[in-house]
Amino acid sequence: MKTPIVVWGIVMLIVFSGANWLLATKALAESWIWVALAIIILILNFWVGKTMKKQPKGSQPVWMALSVFGFITTLAVAFSLVPVPMWWLMSLWLLLMGAAIGVGGHVEGNQLNMFVGLVQIFAALFVSGFGASYLLAGALFFGFLAVVHGYFLGEE
C-alpha cells in the first residue's frame, strides 16, 4: 500500500463529496467551490510529490506544469473569463491527472498507473452525465479510485 496516495484519495473523497453538498445546498457559489478545490488539488499534488522517494526523471516538472495549468484554467473558468460550463473543469482535471499518471506509469513501466491514467481520461468524457452532481465524479474518480490505486501499489 502506498500511504500518501491512499491519504490523497481519502481527502479527495471527503472534499469532493463536501463540495457536492455545498453546491446542492447552495451554501457557497460554484465558482468559489472550484477555487477551493483547485487550491486543495494543488497542495495535495505538491505534498504527494514531496513524499515520493523515487520519481521518473523529468516527472516533477510535468506534474508542476499540469497542476499550475489546471489551477490557472480553473481560475479563468471560475471567474467567467472562459465561457464553459463548470462541469468542464472536472473533465479538465481528470484529463490532466489521468495523463500525468498514465505517462508516468508508461515511463516507469507500471501497468497499474497506466490503467488508472486511462480510466481517468476515459471518465473525463462522461462527467456531464453526472448532471448537477458532477462533483461526485471527482469523489469517485479522484477519491475512491486513488484509494484503490494506492492500496494495490507496492511500497517504494
C-alpha atoms as a PDB file:
ATOM      1  CA  MET A   1       0.000   0.000   0.000  1.00  0.00           C
ATOM      2  CA  LYS A   2       1.267   3.465  -0.884  1.00  0.00           C
ATOM      3  CA  THR A   3       0.041   5.548   2.054  1.00  0.00           C
ATOM      4  CA  PRO A   4       0.359   9.081   0.535  1.00  0.00           C
ATOM      5  CA  ILE A   5      -1.825   8.116  -2.430  1.00  0.00           C
ATOM      6  CA  VAL A   6      -4.414   6.479  -0.163  1.00  0.00           C
ATOM      7  CA  VAL A   7      -4.466   9.595   2.051  1.00  0.00           C
ATOM      8  CA  TRP A   8      -4.755  11.775  -1.074  1.00  0.00           C
ATOM      9  CA  GLY A   9      -7.714   9.650  -2.183  1.00  0.00           C
ATOM     10  CA  ILE A  10      -9.467   9.799   1.193  1.00  0.00           C
ATOM     11  CA  VAL A  11      -9.052  13.577   1.318  1.00  0.00           C
ATOM     12  CA  MET A  12     -10.381  13.891  -2.242  1.00  0.00           C
ATOM     13  CA  LEU A  13     -13.325  11.638  -1.441  1.00  0.00           C
ATOM     14  CA  ILE A  14     -14.261  13.848   1.505  1.00  0.00           C
ATOM     15  CA  VAL A  15     -13.518  17.142  -0.270  1.00  0.00           C
ATOM     16  CA  PHE A  16     -15.482  16.389  -3.441  1.00  0.00           C
ATOM     17  CA  SER A  17     -18.408  14.902  -1.503  1.00  0.00           C
ATOM     18  CA  GLY A  18     -18.456  18.002   0.691  1.00  0.00           C
ATOM     19  CA  ALA A  19     -18.190  20.251  -2.349  1.00  0.00           C
ATOM     20  CA  ASN A  20     -21.138  18.445  -3.915  1.00  0.00           C
ATOM     21  CA  TRP A  21     -23.149  19.045  -0.736  1.00  0.00           C
ATOM     22  CA  LEU A  22     -22.175  22.743  -0.721  1.00  0.00           C
ATOM     23  CA  LEU A  23     -23.242  23.033  -4.348  1.00  0.00           C
ATOM     24  CA  ALA A  24     -26.524  21.159  -3.822  1.00  0.00           C
ATOM     25  CA  THR A  25     -27.492  23.277  -0.812  1.00  0.00           C
ATOM     26  CA  LYS A  26     -26.275  26.471  -2.499  1.00  0.00           C
ATOM     27  CA  ALA A  27     -24.234  27.199   0.634  1.00  0.00           C
ATOM     28  CA  LEU A  28     -21.383  28.540  -1.495  1.00  0.00           C
ATOM     29  CA  ALA A  29     -21.140  29.832  -5.048  1.00  0.00           C
ATOM     30  CA  GLU A  30     -19.959  27.250  -7.573  1.00  0.00           C
ATOM     31  CA  SER A  31     -17.042  29.435  -8.656  1.00  0.00           C
ATOM     32  CA  TRP A  32     -15.702  29.697  -5.094  1.00  0.00           C
ATOM     33  CA  ILE A  33     -16.114  25.955  -4.625  1.00  0.00           C
ATOM     34  CA  TRP A  34     -13.874  25.445  -7.655  1.00  0.00           C
ATOM     35  CA  VAL A  35     -11.276  27.925  -6.435  1.00  0.00           C
ATOM     36  CA  ALA A  36     -11.105  25.999  -3.153  1.00  0.00           C
ATOM     37  CA  LEU A  37     -10.950  22.646  -4.986  1.00  0.00           C
ATOM     38  CA  ALA A  38      -8.115  23.860  -7.216  1.00  0.00           C
ATOM     39  CA  ILE A  39      -6.112  25.044  -4.196  1.00  0.00           C
ATOM     40  CA  ILE A  40      -6.651  21.718  -2.421  1.00  0.00           C
ATOM     41  CA  ILE A  41      -5.656  19.716  -5.517  1.00  0.00           C
ATOM     42  CA  LEU A  42      -2.544  21.859  -5.962  1.00  0.00           C
ATOM     43  CA  ILE A  43      -1.459  21.484  -2.323  1.00  0.00           C
ATOM     44  CA  LEU A  44      -2.112  17.729  -2.277  1.00  0.00           C
ATOM     45  CA  ASN A  45      -0.234  17.190  -5.553  1.00  0.00           C
ATOM     46  CA  PHE A  46       2.819  19.003  -4.192  1.00  0.00           C
ATOM     47  CA  TRP A  47       2.586  17.072  -0.910  1.00  0.00           C
ATOM     48  CA  VAL A  48       2.396  13.685  -2.641  1.00  0.00           C
ATOM     49  CA  GLY A  49       5.276  14.696  -4.916  1.00  0.00           C
ATOM     50  CA  LYS A  50       7.435  15.525  -1.903  1.00  0.00           C
ATOM     51  CA  THR A  51       6.681  12.179  -0.225  1.00  0.00           C
ATOM     52  CA  MET A  52       7.682  10.064  -3.225  1.00  0.00           C
ATOM     53  CA  LYS A  53      11.149   8.613  -2.799  1.00  0.00           C
ATOM     54  CA  LYS A  54      11.829   7.760  -6.424  1.00  0.00           C
ATOM     55  CA  GLN A  55      10.300   9.554  -9.342  1.00  0.00           C
ATOM     56  CA  PRO A  56      10.862   9.054 -13.047  1.00  0.00           C
ATOM     57  CA  LYS A  57      13.321  11.547 -14.492  1.00  0.00           C
ATOM     58  CA  GLY A  58      11.512  14.684 -15.592  1.00  0.00           C
ATOM     59  CA  SER A  59       8.201  13.825 -13.930  1.00  0.00           C
ATOM     60  CA  GLN A  60       8.313  16.588 -11.320  1.00  0.00           C
ATOM     61  CA  PRO A  61       8.312  19.458 -13.866  1.00  0.00           C
ATOM     62  CA  VAL A  62       5.474  17.744 -15.773  1.00  0.00           C
ATOM     63  CA  TRP A  63       3.355  17.427 -12.610  1.00  0.00           C
ATOM     64  CA  MET A  64       4.107  21.016 -11.613  1.00  0.00           C
ATOM     65  CA  ALA A  65       3.239  22.348 -15.070  1.00  0.00           C
ATOM     66  CA  LEU A  66      -0.021  20.385 -15.248  1.00  0.00           C
ATOM     67  CA  SER A  67      -1.010  21.439 -11.734  1.00  0.00           C
ATOM     68  CA  VAL A  68      -0.297  25.109 -12.380  1.00  0.00           C
ATOM     69  CA  PHE A  69      -2.060  24.960 -15.765  1.00  0.00           C
ATOM     70  CA  GLY A  70      -5.106  23.354 -14.142  1.00  0.00           C
ATOM     71  CA  PHE A  71      -5.104  25.950 -11.361  1.00  0.00           C
ATOM     72  CA  ILE A  72      -4.859  28.922 -13.739  1.00  0.00           C
ATOM     73  CA  THR A  73      -7.528  27.461 -16.031  1.00  0.00           C
ATOM     74  CA  THR A  74      -9.779  26.846 -13.032  1.00  0.00           C
ATOM     75  CA  LEU A  75      -9.444  30.491 -12.008  1.00  0.00           C
ATOM     76  CA  ALA A  76     -10.202  31.633 -15.563  1.00  0.00           C
ATOM     77  CA  VAL A  77     -13.344  29.495 -15.759  1.00  0.00           C
ATOM     78  CA  ALA A  78     -14.465  30.211 -12.186  1.00  0.00           C
ATOM     79  CA  PHE A  79     -14.305  33.964 -12.775  1.00  0.00           C
ATOM     80  CA  SER A  80     -16.100  33.672 -16.147  1.00  0.00           C
ATOM     81  CA  LEU A  81     -13.111  34.610 -18.282  1.00  0.00           C
ATOM     82  CA  VAL A  82     -13.605  31.402 -20.268  1.00  0.00           C
ATOM     83  CA  PRO A  83     -17.281  30.715 -21.062  1.00  0.00           C
ATOM     84  CA  VAL A  84     -17.625  26.980 -20.438  1.00  0.00           C
ATOM     85  CA  PRO A  85     -19.854  25.102 -18.002  1.00  0.00           C
ATOM     86  CA  MET A  86     -18.321  24.383 -14.603  1.00  0.00           C
ATOM     87  CA  TRP A  87     -18.516  20.605 -15.075  1.00  0.00           C
ATOM     88  CA  TRP A  88     -15.912  21.130 -17.788  1.00  0.00           C
ATOM     89  CA  LEU A  89     -13.373  21.799 -15.033  1.00  0.00           C
ATOM     90  CA  MET A  90     -13.919  18.326 -13.621  1.00  0.00           C
ATOM     91  CA  SER A  91     -13.261  16.869 -17.068  1.00  0.00           C
ATOM     92  CA  LEU A  92     -10.143  19.011 -17.419  1.00  0.00           C
ATOM     93  CA  TRP A  93      -8.715  17.918 -14.068  1.00  0.00           C
ATOM     94  CA  LEU A  94      -9.462  14.264 -14.828  1.00  0.00           C
ATOM     95  CA  LEU A  95      -7.718  14.601 -18.195  1.00  0.00           C
ATOM     96  CA  LEU A  96      -4.688  16.350 -16.689  1.00  0.00           C
ATOM     97  CA  MET A  97      -4.291  13.953 -13.781  1.00  0.00           C
ATOM     98  CA  GLY A  98      -5.015  10.905 -15.925  1.00  0.00           C
ATOM     99  CA  ALA A  99      -2.437  11.987 -18.496  1.00  0.00           C
ATOM    100  CA  ALA A 100       0.215  12.619 -15.845  1.00  0.00           C
ATOM    101  CA  ILE A 101      -0.440   9.319 -14.049  1.00  0.00           C
ATOM    102  CA  GLY A 102      -0.607   7.356 -17.310  1.00  0.00           C
ATOM    103  CA  VAL A 103       2.545   8.857 -18.804  1.00  0.00           C
ATOM    104  CA  GLY A 104       4.390   8.430 -15.504  1.00  0.00           C
ATOM    105  CA  GLY A 105       3.292   4.801 -15.471  1.00  0.00           C
ATOM    106  CA  HIS A 106       4.484   4.349 -19.041  1.00  0.00           C
ATOM    107  CA  VAL A 107       7.907   5.804 -18.227  1.00  0.00           C
ATOM    108  CA  GLU A 108       8.187   3.598 -15.116  1.00  0.00           C
ATOM    109  CA  GLY A 109       6.754   0.538 -16.833  1.00  0.00           C
ATOM    110  CA  ASN A 110       3.991   0.457 -14.203  1.00  0.00           C
ATOM    111  CA  GLN A 111       0.879  -1.026 -15.804  1.00  0.00           C
ATOM    112  CA  LEU A 112      -1.367  -0.148 -12.858  1.00  0.00           C
ATOM    113  CA  ASN A 113      -0.514   3.550 -13.231  1.00  0.00           C
ATOM    114  CA  MET A 114      -1.127   3.363 -16.973  1.00  0.00           C
ATOM    115  CA  PHE A 115      -4.506   1.717 -16.350  1.00  0.00           C
ATOM    116  CA  VAL A 116      -5.552   4.290 -13.705  1.00  0.00           C
ATOM    117  CA  GLY A 117      -4.489   7.107 -16.019  1.00  0.00           C
ATOM    118  CA  LEU A 118      -6.584   5.673 -18.844  1.00  0.00           C
ATOM    119  CA  VAL A 119      -9.589   5.225 -16.531  1.00  0.00           C
ATOM    120  CA  GLN A 120      -9.386   8.886 -15.514  1.00  0.00           C
ATOM    121  CA  ILE A 121      -9.031  10.053 -19.110  1.00  0.00           C
ATOM    122  CA  PHE A 122     -11.980   7.892 -20.157  1.00  0.00           C
ATOM    123  CA  ALA A 123     -14.023   9.104 -17.141  1.00  0.00           C
ATOM    124  CA  ALA A 124     -13.438  12.705 -18.214  1.00  0.00           C
ATOM    125  CA  LEU A 125     -15.625  12.034 -21.239  1.00  0.00           C
ATOM    126  CA  PHE A 126     -18.626  11.212 -19.053  1.00  0.00           C
ATOM    127  CA  VAL A 127     -18.566  13.904 -16.366  1.00  0.00           C
ATOM    128  CA  SER A 128     -21.521  15.726 -17.925  1.00  0.00           C
ATOM    129  CA  GLY A 129     -23.559  12.542 -17.443  1.00  0.00           C
ATOM    130  CA  PHE A 130     -23.468  13.142 -13.692  1.00  0.00           C
ATOM    131  CA  GLY A 131     -25.658  16.220 -14.233  1.00  0.00           C
ATOM    132  CA  ALA A 132     -25.896  18.632 -11.308  1.00  0.00           C
ATOM    133  CA  SER A 133     -23.994  16.143  -9.125  1.00  0.00           C
ATOM    134  CA  TYR A 134     -20.913  16.210 -11.345  1.00  0.00           C
ATOM    135  CA  LEU A 135     -18.669  16.807  -8.320  1.00  0.00           C
ATOM    136  CA  LEU A 136     -19.430  13.221  -7.304  1.00  0.00           C
ATOM    137  CA  ALA A 137     -17.381  12.218 -10.352  1.00  0.00           C
ATOM    138  CA  GLY A 138     -14.435  13.765  -8.506  1.00  0.00           C
ATOM    139  CA  ALA A 139     -15.267  11.795  -5.375  1.00  0.00           C
ATOM    140  CA  LEU A 140     -15.445   8.620  -7.447  1.00  0.00           C
ATOM    141  CA  PHE A 141     -12.560   9.045  -9.903  1.00  0.00           C
ATOM    142  CA  PHE A 142     -10.187  11.107  -7.738  1.00  0.00           C
ATOM    143  CA  GLY A 143     -11.127   9.835  -4.295  1.00  0.00           C
ATOM    144  CA  PHE A 144     -12.256   6.228  -4.467  1.00  0.00           C
ATOM    145  CA  LEU A 145     -10.053   5.340  -7.450  1.00  0.00           C
ATOM    146  CA  ALA A 146      -6.981   6.802  -5.701  1.00  0.00           C
ATOM    147  CA  VAL A 147      -7.684   4.787  -2.541  1.00  0.00           C
ATOM    148  CA  VAL A 148      -7.911   1.574  -4.591  1.00  0.00           C
ATOM    149  CA  HIS A 149      -4.888   2.592  -6.676  1.00  0.00           C
ATOM    150  CA  GLY A 150      -2.765   3.369  -3.607  1.00  0.00           C
ATOM    151  CA  TYR A 151      -3.817   0.130  -1.934  1.00  0.00           C
ATOM    152  CA  PHE A 152      -2.635  -2.003  -4.845  1.00  0.00           C
ATOM    153  CA  LEU A 153       0.623  -0.134  -5.437  1.00  0.00           C
ATOM    154  CA  GLY A 154       3.643  -1.558  -3.662  1.00  0.00           C
ATOM    155  CA  GLU A 155       5.752   0.453  -1.241  1.00  0.00           C
ATOM    156  CA  GLU A 156       8.612   2.444  -2.740  1.00  0.00           C
END
